[in-house]
Amino acid sequence: MKGFVYAGGDAALDRDDIVGIFDLDNTSWSYLTRDFLSRAERDGRVKNAAEDLPRSFILCGDETVILTQPTAATLARRLEDQERTYG
C-alpha cells in the first residue's frame, strides 16, 4: 500500500521504504546497535528529523537512518492507523 508516514521535522517517509522502527532507549544499550548507528553516521546515512533529543530511529530500505522525536510506539500507531484507514 502506498502512503506516507510523518516522522517529525520535515521528514515524511514512504511507508514501503520503512524496514523497521526502533526505540533508542531499548536498543542503544547493545554494542551492535551503537556500532551500526556510528557507522551509519560516519557514512553520512543518518538524518536528524528530531527537533530535540531523538527518541527513536527509522531504518529505511536504502540503509538511511532517520532519527525522530516521536516514540517508536507513536510511529507504529501512525502506520496502523493508515493501514486501517486506507487498507
PDB file of N, CA and C in Angstrom:
ATOM      1  N   MET A   1       0.826  -1.173   0.000  1.00  0.00           N
ATOM      2  CA  MET A   1       0.000   0.000   0.000  1.00  0.00           C
ATOM      3  C   MET A   1       0.874   1.241   0.000  1.00  0.00           C
ATOM      4  N   LYS A   2       0.560   2.163  -0.862  1.00  0.00           N
ATOM      5  CA  LYS A   2       1.286   3.424  -0.895  1.00  0.00           C
ATOM      6  C   LYS A   2       0.757   4.332   0.197  1.00  0.00           C
ATOM      7  N   GLY A   3       1.624   5.181   0.672  1.00  0.00           N
ATOM      8  CA  GLY A   3       1.247   6.150   1.693  1.00  0.00           C
ATOM      9  C   GLY A   3       2.505   6.666   2.362  1.00  0.00           C
ATOM     10  N   PHE A   4       2.348   7.736   3.086  1.00  0.00           N
ATOM     11  CA  PHE A   4       3.480   8.347   3.759  1.00  0.00           C
ATOM     12  C   PHE A   4       3.228   8.421   5.249  1.00  0.00           C
ATOM     13  N   VAL A   5       4.317   8.359   6.002  1.00  0.00           N
ATOM     14  CA  VAL A   5       4.254   8.451   7.451  1.00  0.00           C
ATOM     15  C   VAL A   5       5.066   9.663   7.868  1.00  0.00           C
ATOM     16  N   TYR A   6       4.441  10.534   8.652  1.00  0.00           N
ATOM     17  CA  TYR A   6       5.131  11.721   9.144  1.00  0.00           C
ATOM     18  C   TYR A   6       6.033  11.300  10.291  1.00  0.00           C
ATOM     19  N   ALA A   7       7.337  11.584  10.161  1.00  0.00           N
ATOM     20  CA  ALA A   7       8.313  11.169  11.157  1.00  0.00           C
ATOM     21  C   ALA A   7       8.820  12.326  12.005  1.00  0.00           C
ATOM     22  N   GLY A   8       8.310  13.513  11.765  1.00  0.00           N
ATOM     23  CA  GLY A   8       8.745  14.676  12.525  1.00  0.00           C
ATOM     24  C   GLY A   8       9.601  15.582  11.666  1.00  0.00           C
ATOM     25  N   GLY A   9       9.751  16.835  12.113  1.00  0.00           N
ATOM     26  CA  GLY A   9      10.526  17.798  11.345  1.00  0.00           C
ATOM     27  C   GLY A   9       9.974  17.915   9.945  1.00  0.00           C
ATOM     28  N   ASP A  10      10.836  17.782   8.965  1.00  0.00           N
ATOM     29  CA  ASP A  10      10.379  17.831   7.577  1.00  0.00           C
ATOM     30  C   ASP A  10      10.445  16.451   6.915  1.00  0.00           C
ATOM     31  N   ALA A  11      10.389  15.410   7.733  1.00  0.00           N
ATOM     32  CA  ALA A  11      10.524  14.043   7.220  1.00  0.00           C
ATOM     33  C   ALA A  11       9.172  13.348   7.102  1.00  0.00           C
ATOM     34  N   ALA A  12       8.801  13.042   5.881  1.00  0.00           N
ATOM     35  CA  ALA A  12       7.645  12.194   5.588  1.00  0.00           C
ATOM     36  C   ALA A  12       8.181  11.041   4.750  1.00  0.00           C
ATOM     37  N   LEU A  13       8.008   9.841   5.244  1.00  0.00           N
ATOM     38  CA  LEU A  13       8.610   8.675   4.611  1.00  0.00           C
ATOM     39  C   LEU A  13       7.558   7.817   3.931  1.00  0.00           C
ATOM     40  N   ASP A  14       7.904   7.313   2.762  1.00  0.00           N
ATOM     41  CA  ASP A  14       7.059   6.341   2.081  1.00  0.00           C
ATOM     42  C   ASP A  14       7.037   5.085   2.940  1.00  0.00           C
ATOM     43  N   ARG A  15       5.854   4.660   3.323  1.00  0.00           N
ATOM     44  CA  ARG A  15       5.755   3.515   4.237  1.00  0.00           C
ATOM     45  C   ARG A  15       6.396   2.252   3.659  1.00  0.00           C
ATOM     46  N   ASP A  16       6.437   2.131   2.331  1.00  0.00           N
ATOM     47  CA  ASP A  16       7.062   0.968   1.704  1.00  0.00           C
ATOM     48  C   ASP A  16       8.582   0.974   1.850  1.00  0.00           C
ATOM     49  N   ASP A  17       9.165   2.125   2.170  1.00  0.00           N
ATOM     50  CA  ASP A  17      10.618   2.233   2.347  1.00  0.00           C
ATOM     51  C   ASP A  17      11.064   1.906   3.766  1.00  0.00           C
ATOM     52  N   ILE A  18      10.120   1.795   4.696  1.00  0.00           N
ATOM     53  CA  ILE A  18      10.466   1.570   6.104  1.00  0.00           C
ATOM     54  C   ILE A  18      10.746   0.093   6.348  1.00  0.00           C
ATOM     55  N   VAL A  19      11.958  -0.177   6.841  1.00  0.00           N
ATOM     56  CA  VAL A  19      12.346  -1.539   7.194  1.00  0.00           C
ATOM     57  C   VAL A  19      11.993  -1.822   8.649  1.00  0.00           C
ATOM     58  N   GLY A  20      12.231  -0.830   9.515  1.00  0.00           N
ATOM     59  CA  GLY A  20      11.934  -1.011  10.933  1.00  0.00           C
ATOM     60  C   GLY A  20      11.925   0.302  11.681  1.00  0.00           C
ATOM     61  N   ILE A  21      11.227   0.286  12.807  1.00  0.00           N
ATOM     62  CA  ILE A  21      11.158   1.430  13.706  1.00  0.00           C
ATOM     63  C   ILE A  21      11.671   0.954  15.059  1.00  0.00           C
ATOM     64  N   PHE A  22      12.632   1.683  15.621  1.00  0.00           N
ATOM     65  CA  PHE A  22      13.309   1.220  16.820  1.00  0.00           C
ATOM     66  C   PHE A  22      13.341   2.297  17.898  1.00  0.00           C
ATOM     67  N   ASP A  23      13.125   1.901  19.132  1.00  0.00           N
ATOM     68  CA  ASP A  23      13.194   2.787  20.281  1.00  0.00           C
ATOM     69  C   ASP A  23      14.665   2.926  20.687  1.00  0.00           C
ATOM     70  N   LEU A  24      15.163   4.146  20.761  1.00  0.00           N
ATOM     71  CA  LEU A  24      16.578   4.350  21.082  1.00  0.00           C
ATOM     72  C   LEU A  24      16.929   3.899  22.494  1.00  0.00           C
ATOM     73  N   ASP A  25      16.049   4.122  23.465  1.00  0.00           N
ATOM     74  CA  ASP A  25      16.339   3.697  24.843  1.00  0.00           C
ATOM     75  C   ASP A  25      16.487   2.192  24.957  1.00  0.00           C
ATOM     76  N   ASN A  26      15.652   1.457  24.243  1.00  0.00           N
ATOM     77  CA  ASN A  26      15.680  -0.003  24.343  1.00  0.00           C
ATOM     78  C   ASN A  26      16.734  -0.661  23.465  1.00  0.00           C
ATOM     79  N   THR A  27      17.176   0.011  22.423  1.00  0.00           N
ATOM     80  CA  THR A  27      18.121  -0.635  21.510  1.00  0.00           C
ATOM     81  C   THR A  27      19.561  -0.152  21.661  1.00  0.00           C
ATOM     82  N   SER A  28      19.748   1.058  22.173  1.00  0.00           N
ATOM     83  CA  SER A  28      21.101   1.622  22.192  1.00  0.00           C
ATOM     84  C   SER A  28      21.997   1.017  23.269  1.00  0.00           C
ATOM     85  N   TRP A  29      21.458   0.187  24.144  1.00  0.00           N
ATOM     86  CA  TRP A  29      22.308  -0.479  25.128  1.00  0.00           C
ATOM     87  C   TRP A  29      23.181  -1.538  24.460  1.00  0.00           C
ATOM     88  N   SER A  30      22.756  -2.032  23.314  1.00  0.00           N
ATOM     89  CA  SER A  30      23.503  -3.069  22.607  1.00  0.00           C
ATOM     90  C   SER A  30      24.676  -2.457  21.838  1.00  0.00           C
ATOM     91  N   TYR A  31      25.847  -3.045  22.003  1.00  0.00           N
ATOM     92  CA  TYR A  31      27.014  -2.549  21.269  1.00  0.00           C
ATOM     93  C   TYR A  31      26.814  -2.708  19.761  1.00  0.00           C
ATOM     94  N   LEU A  32      26.043  -3.701  19.338  1.00  0.00           N
ATOM     95  CA  LEU A  32      25.790  -3.884  17.904  1.00  0.00           C
ATOM     96  C   LEU A  32      25.003  -2.710  17.335  1.00  0.00           C
ATOM     97  N   THR A  33      23.985  -2.268  18.072  1.00  0.00           N
ATOM     98  CA  THR A  33      23.196  -1.128  17.614  1.00  0.00           C
ATOM     99  C   THR A  33      24.032   0.141  17.627  1.00  0.00           C
ATOM    100  N   ARG A  34      24.786   0.351  18.709  1.00  0.00           N
ATOM    101  CA  ARG A  34      25.648   1.538  18.780  1.00  0.00           C
ATOM    102  C   ARG A  34      26.654   1.543  17.642  1.00  0.00           C
ATOM    103  N   ASP A  35      27.229   0.395  17.338  1.00  0.00           N
ATOM    104  CA  ASP A  35      28.191   0.290  16.238  1.00  0.00           C
ATOM    105  C   ASP A  35      27.509   0.570  14.891  1.00  0.00           C
ATOM    106  N   PHE A  36      26.311   0.013  14.697  1.00  0.00           N
ATOM    107  CA  PHE A  36      25.561   0.245  13.466  1.00  0.00           C
ATOM    108  C   PHE A  36      25.278   1.728  13.280  1.00  0.00           C
ATOM    109  N   LEU A  37      24.782   2.381  14.336  1.00  0.00           N
ATOM    110  CA  LEU A  37      24.452   3.804  14.250  1.00  0.00           C
ATOM    111  C   LEU A  37      25.706   4.653  14.032  1.00  0.00           C
ATOM    112  N   SER A  38      26.803   4.287  14.667  1.00  0.00           N
ATOM    113  CA  SER A  38      28.067   5.011  14.481  1.00  0.00           C
ATOM    114  C   SER A  38      28.554   4.906  13.037  1.00  0.00           C
ATOM    115  N   ARG A  39      28.494   3.695  12.481  1.00  0.00           N
ATOM    116  CA  ARG A  39      28.916   3.508  11.090  1.00  0.00           C
ATOM    117  C   ARG A  39      28.010   4.265  10.126  1.00  0.00           C
ATOM    118  N   ALA A  40      26.705   4.228  10.400  1.00  0.00           N
ATOM    119  CA  ALA A  40      25.757   4.951   9.543  1.00  0.00           C
ATOM    120  C   ALA A  40      26.046   6.449   9.582  1.00  0.00           C
ATOM    121  N   GLU A  41      26.335   6.967  10.762  1.00  0.00           N
ATOM    122  CA  GLU A  41      26.647   8.393  10.876  1.00  0.00           C
ATOM    123  C   GLU A  41      27.951   8.726  10.156  1.00  0.00           C
ATOM    124  N   ARG A  42      28.945   7.894  10.329  1.00  0.00           N
ATOM    125  CA  ARG A  42      30.238   8.088   9.664  1.00  0.00           C
ATOM    126  C   ARG A  42      30.086   8.064   8.140  1.00  0.00           C
ATOM    127  N   ASP A  43      29.190   7.221   7.651  1.00  0.00           N
ATOM    128  CA  ASP A  43      28.956   7.083   6.208  1.00  0.00           C
ATOM    129  C   ASP A  43      27.995   8.132   5.654  1.00  0.00           C
ATOM    130  N   GLY A  44      27.479   9.009   6.514  1.00  0.00           N
ATOM    131  CA  GLY A  44      26.571  10.055   6.074  1.00  0.00           C
ATOM    132  C   GLY A  44      25.158   9.577   5.797  1.00  0.00           C
ATOM    133  N   ARG A  45      24.759   8.461   6.411  1.00  0.00           N
ATOM    134  CA  ARG A  45      23.431   7.903   6.166  1.00  0.00           C
ATOM    135  C   ARG A  45      22.421   8.261   7.249  1.00  0.00           C
ATOM    136  N   VAL A  46      22.816   9.086   8.236  1.00  0.00           N
ATOM    137  CA  VAL A  46      21.914   9.468   9.320  1.00  0.00           C
ATOM    138  C   VAL A  46      21.347  10.854   9.046  1.00  0.00           C
ATOM    139  N   LYS A  47      20.019  10.950   9.146  1.00  0.00           N
ATOM    140  CA  LYS A  47      19.335  12.231   9.004  1.00  0.00           C
ATOM    141  C   LYS A  47      18.563  12.489  10.293  1.00  0.00           C
ATOM    142  N   ASN A  48      18.734  13.673  10.836  1.00  0.00           N
ATOM    143  CA  ASN A  48      18.079  14.001  12.090  1.00  0.00           C
ATOM    144  C   ASN A  48      16.804  14.788  11.819  1.00  0.00           C
ATOM    145  N   ALA A  49      15.652  14.166  12.081  1.00  0.00           N
ATOM    146  CA  ALA A  49      14.358  14.834  11.917  1.00  0.00           C
ATOM    147  C   ALA A  49      13.807  15.271  13.269  1.00  0.00           C
ATOM    148  N   ALA A  50      14.592  15.067  14.329  1.00  0.00           N
ATOM    149  CA  ALA A  50      14.148  15.431  15.678  1.00  0.00           C
ATOM    150  C   ALA A  50      14.532  16.872  15.975  1.00  0.00           C
ATOM    151  N   GLU A  51      13.583  17.616  16.520  1.00  0.00           N
ATOM    152  CA  GLU A  51      13.868  18.990  16.903  1.00  0.00           C
ATOM    153  C   GLU A  51      14.541  19.046  18.266  1.00  0.00           C
ATOM    154  N   ASP A  52      14.445  17.986  19.021  1.00  0.00           N
ATOM    155  CA  ASP A  52      15.035  17.879  20.346  1.00  0.00           C
ATOM    156  C   ASP A  52      15.743  16.524  20.414  1.00  0.00           C
ATOM    157  N   LEU A  53      15.919  15.991  21.579  1.00  0.00           N
ATOM    158  CA  LEU A  53      16.567  14.697  21.754  1.00  0.00           C
ATOM    159  C   LEU A  53      15.745  13.603  21.066  1.00  0.00           C
ATOM    160  N   PRO A  54      16.352  12.850  20.145  1.00  0.00           N
ATOM    161  CA  PRO A  54      15.589  11.798  19.447  1.00  0.00           C
ATOM    162  C   PRO A  54      15.208  10.667  20.389  1.00  0.00           C
ATOM    163  N   ARG A  55      14.028  10.120  20.158  1.00  0.00           N
ATOM    164  CA  ARG A  55      13.531   9.003  20.964  1.00  0.00           C
ATOM    165  C   ARG A  55      13.548   7.686  20.212  1.00  0.00           C
ATOM    166  N   SER A  56      13.591   7.774  18.885  1.00  0.00           N
ATOM    167  CA  SER A  56      13.561   6.552  18.090  1.00  0.00           C
ATOM    168  C   SER A  56      14.295   6.781  16.780  1.00  0.00           C
ATOM    169  N   PHE A  57      14.488   5.689  16.060  1.00  0.00           N
ATOM    170  CA  PHE A  57      15.049   5.819  14.720  1.00  0.00           C
ATOM    171  C   PHE A  57      14.334   4.875  13.782  1.00  0.00           C
ATOM    172  N   ILE A  58      14.317   5.296  12.520  1.00  0.00           N
ATOM    173  CA  ILE A  58      13.681   4.512  11.467  1.00  0.00           C
ATOM    174  C   ILE A  58      14.769   4.078  10.503  1.00  0.00           C
ATOM    175  N   LEU A  59      14.802   2.800  10.200  1.00  0.00           N
ATOM    176  CA  LEU A  59      15.726   2.272   9.210  1.00  0.00           C
ATOM    177  C   LEU A  59      14.967   2.115   7.905  1.00  0.00           C
ATOM    178  N   CYS A  60      15.498   2.730   6.847  1.00  0.00           N
ATOM    179  CA  CYS A  60      14.868   2.672   5.532  1.00  0.00           C
ATOM    180  C   CYS A  60      15.580   1.649   4.645  1.00  0.00           C
ATOM    181  N   GLY A  61      14.916   1.256   3.591  1.00  0.00           N
ATOM    182  CA  GLY A  61      15.436   0.239   2.685  1.00  0.00           C
ATOM    183  C   GLY A  61      16.753   0.594   2.035  1.00  0.00           C
ATOM    184  N   ASP A  62      17.024   1.892   1.868  1.00  0.00           N
ATOM    185  CA  ASP A  62      18.298   2.307   1.281  1.00  0.00           C
ATOM    186  C   ASP A  62      19.388   2.469   2.341  1.00  0.00           C
ATOM    187  N   GLU A  63      19.129   1.935   3.547  1.00  0.00           N
ATOM    188  CA  GLU A  63      20.033   1.957   4.696  1.00  0.00           C
ATOM    189  C   GLU A  63      20.200   3.341   5.312  1.00  0.00           C
ATOM    190  N   THR A  64      19.295   4.270   4.974  1.00  0.00           N
ATOM    191  CA  THR A  64      19.268   5.563   5.639  1.00  0.00           C
ATOM    192  C   THR A  64      18.646   5.377   7.016  1.00  0.00           C
ATOM    193  N   VAL A  65      19.181   6.097   7.993  1.00  0.00           N
ATOM    194  CA  VAL A  65      18.658   6.078   9.347  1.00  0.00           C
ATOM    195  C   VAL A  65      18.092   7.463   9.643  1.00  0.00           C
ATOM    196  N   ILE A  66      16.826   7.514  10.036  1.00  0.00           N
ATOM    197  CA  ILE A  66      16.171   8.766  10.365  1.00  0.00           C
ATOM    198  C   ILE A  66      15.968   8.813  11.875  1.00  0.00           C
ATOM    199  N   LEU A  67      16.602   9.789  12.541  1.00  0.00           N
ATOM    200  CA  LEU A  67      16.381   9.990  13.971  1.00  0.00           C
ATOM    201  C   LEU A  67      15.115  10.818  14.135  1.00  0.00           C
ATOM    202  N   THR A  68      14.219  10.385  15.020  1.00  0.00           N
ATOM    203  CA  THR A  68      12.925  11.044  15.155  1.00  0.00           C
ATOM    204  C   THR A  68      12.597  11.385  16.597  1.00  0.00           C
ATOM    205  N   GLN A  69      11.780  12.401  16.761  1.00  0.00           N
ATOM    206  CA  GLN A  69      11.281  12.803  18.070  1.00  0.00           C
ATOM    207  C   GLN A  69      10.145  11.898  18.550  1.00  0.00           C
ATOM    208  N   PRO A  70       9.180  11.553  17.681  1.00  0.00           N
ATOM    209  CA  PRO A  70       8.094  10.665  18.151  1.00  0.00           C
ATOM    210  C   PRO A  70       8.652   9.316  18.600  1.00  0.00           C
ATOM    211  N   THR A  71       7.989   8.734  19.581  1.00  0.00           N
ATOM    212  CA  THR A  71       8.407   7.423  20.052  1.00  0.00           C
ATOM    213  C   THR A  71       8.125   6.362  18.997  1.00  0.00           C
ATOM    214  N   ALA A  72       8.761   5.224  19.149  1.00  0.00           N
ATOM    215  CA  ALA A  72       8.533   4.107  18.230  1.00  0.00           C
ATOM    216  C   ALA A  72       7.061   3.684  18.278  1.00  0.00           C
ATOM    217  N   ALA A  73       6.456   3.725  19.467  1.00  0.00           N
ATOM    218  CA  ALA A  73       5.043   3.353  19.600  1.00  0.00           C
ATOM    219  C   ALA A  73       4.146   4.315  18.828  1.00  0.00           C
ATOM    220  N   THR A  74       4.449   5.606  18.884  1.00  0.00           N
ATOM    221  CA  THR A  74       3.658   6.593  18.149  1.00  0.00           C
ATOM    222  C   THR A  74       3.776   6.373  16.655  1.00  0.00           C
ATOM    223  N   LEU A  75       4.984   6.137  16.182  1.00  0.00           N
ATOM    224  CA  LEU A  75       5.189   5.900  14.751  1.00  0.00           C
ATOM    225  C   LEU A  75       4.494   4.629  14.298  1.00  0.00           C
ATOM    226  N   ALA A  76       4.562   3.583  15.107  1.00  0.00           N
ATOM    227  CA  ALA A  76       3.883   2.330  14.767  1.00  0.00           C
ATOM    228  C   ALA A  76       2.375   2.538  14.715  1.00  0.00           C
ATOM    229  N   ARG A  77       1.843   3.335  15.648  1.00  0.00           N
ATOM    230  CA  ARG A  77       0.405   3.632  15.658  1.00  0.00           C
ATOM    231  C   ARG A  77       0.000   4.398  14.398  1.00  0.00           C
ATOM    232  N   ARG A  78       0.853   5.319  13.947  1.00  0.00           N
ATOM    233  CA  ARG A  78       0.564   6.050  12.707  1.00  0.00           C
ATOM    234  C   ARG A  78       0.481   5.096  11.520  1.00  0.00           C
ATOM    235  N   LEU A  79       1.379   4.128  11.482  1.00  0.00           N
ATOM    236  CA  LEU A  79       1.331   3.139  10.405  1.00  0.00           C
ATOM    237  C   LEU A  79       0.064   2.300  10.482  1.00  0.00           C
ATOM    238  N   GLU A  80      -0.297   1.876  11.688  1.00  0.00           N
ATOM    239  CA  GLU A  80      -1.502   1.059  11.870  1.00  0.00           C
ATOM    240  C   GLU A  80      -2.756   1.849  11.510  1.00  0.00           C
ATOM    241  N   ASP A  81      -2.822   3.115  11.919  1.00  0.00           N
ATOM    242  CA  ASP A  81      -3.981   3.949  11.604  1.00  0.00           C
ATOM    243  C   ASP A  81      -4.123   4.111  10.095  1.00  0.00           C
ATOM    244  N   GLN A  82      -3.010   4.297   9.442  1.00  0.00           N
ATOM    245  CA  GLN A  82      -3.035   4.454   7.986  1.00  0.00           C
ATOM    246  C   GLN A  82      -3.506   3.162   7.326  1.00  0.00           C
ATOM    247  N   GLU A  83      -3.059   2.040   7.836  1.00  0.00           N
ATOM    248  CA  GLU A  83      -3.463   0.738   7.294  1.00  0.00           C
ATOM    249  C   GLU A  83      -4.972   0.544   7.453  1.00  0.00           C
ATOM    250  N   ARG A  84      -5.501   0.900   8.629  1.00  0.00           N
ATOM    251  CA  ARG A  84      -6.948   0.767   8.869  1.00  0.00           C
ATOM    252  C   ARG A  84      -7.747   1.705   7.963  1.00  0.00           C
ATOM    253  N   THR A  85      -7.219   2.911   7.775  1.00  0.00           N
ATOM    254  CA  THR A  85      -7.947   3.914   7.002  1.00  0.00           C
ATOM    255  C   THR A  85      -7.933   3.613   5.505  1.00  0.00           C
ATOM    256  N   TYR A  86      -6.766   3.244   5.003  1.00  0.00           N
ATOM    257  CA  TYR A  86      -6.624   3.101   3.551  1.00  0.00           C
ATOM    258  C   TYR A  86      -6.519   1.661   3.084  1.00  0.00           C
ATOM    259  N   GLY A  87      -6.442   0.740   4.023  1.00  0.00           N
ATOM    260  CA  GLY A  87      -6.408  -0.665   3.681  1.00  0.00           C
ATOM    261  C   GLY A  87      -5.154  -1.058   3.088  1.00  0.00           C
TER     262      GLY A  87
END
